[in-house]
Amino acid sequence: MKKVRPFEVISKRRKGYPSETQVKRGLRVIHGNKELLEQLGRNDLCPCNSGRRF
């Protein structure tokens, strides 16, 4: 039997979903050289469009 580390399984499972940093929503505000994006809150819908809460 092949041993699989738990971290490898998690990374393969989450590969298809966009991360919080890749989600583009809200207004962008630029202060100096930094670009600030609106972050997802606890009760916002999941960015994968599954309809579940994030």
Protein backbone atom coordinates (compact mmCIF):
# COMPACT_ATOMS: atom_id res chain seq x y z
CA MET A 1 0.00 0.00 0.00
CA LYS A 2 1.28 3.43 -0.92
CA LYS A 3 1.66 5.88 1.96
CA VAL A 4 0.15 9.29 1.34
CA ARG A 5 0.86 12.24 3.56
CA PRO A 6 -2.26 14.15 4.62
CA PHE A 7 -0.85 17.42 3.29
CA GLU A 8 -0.54 15.97 -0.22
CA VAL A 9 -4.19 14.88 -0.22
CA ILE A 10 -5.37 18.31 0.92
CA SER A 11 -3.30 20.13 -1.68
CA LYS A 12 -4.69 17.94 -4.49
CA ARG A 13 -8.25 18.43 -3.28
CA ARG A 14 -8.01 22.22 -3.08
CA LYS A 15 -6.25 22.72 -6.41
CA GLY A 16 -9.41 23.41 -8.43
CA TYR A 17 -10.86 26.10 -6.17
CA PRO A 18 -9.81 29.74 -6.35
CA SER A 19 -8.10 30.98 -3.25
CA GLU A 20 -9.17 34.05 -1.34
CA THR A 21 -6.42 36.10 -2.98
CA GLN A 22 -7.55 35.24 -6.53
CA VAL A 23 -11.17 36.31 -6.06
CA LYS A 24 -11.81 39.66 -7.71
CA ARG A 25 -14.72 41.54 -6.17
CA GLY A 26 -15.44 44.89 -4.67
CA LEU A 27 -13.76 48.19 -5.36
CA ARG A 28 -10.00 48.43 -5.53
CA VAL A 29 -8.40 51.20 -3.55
CA ILE A 30 -4.80 52.10 -4.29
CA HIS A 31 -2.72 53.71 -1.54
CA GLY A 32 0.82 54.38 -2.70
CA ASN A 33 2.29 51.22 -4.24
CA LYS A 34 -0.16 48.84 -2.54
CA GLU A 35 -3.43 47.70 -4.04
CA LEU A 36 -6.07 46.83 -1.45
CA LEU A 37 -8.88 44.39 -2.28
CA GLU A 38 -12.08 43.68 -0.39
CA GLN A 39 -11.64 40.42 1.50
CA LEU A 40 -14.28 37.74 1.81
CA GLY A 41 -16.13 37.66 5.09
CA ARG A 42 -17.33 34.73 7.10
CA ASN A 43 -20.90 34.80 5.77
CA ASP A 44 -20.09 35.62 2.14
CA LEU A 45 -20.87 33.04 -0.52
CA CYS A 46 -18.05 30.69 -1.51
CA PRO A 47 -16.05 31.87 -4.58
CA CYS A 48 -16.47 28.44 -6.22
CA ASN A 49 -20.21 29.19 -6.76
CA SER A 50 -21.32 26.15 -4.76
CA GLY A 51 -23.82 28.29 -2.85
CA ARG A 52 -22.22 27.49 0.51
CA ARG A 53 -20.95 30.08 2.95
CA PHE A 54 -17.21 30.81 2.88
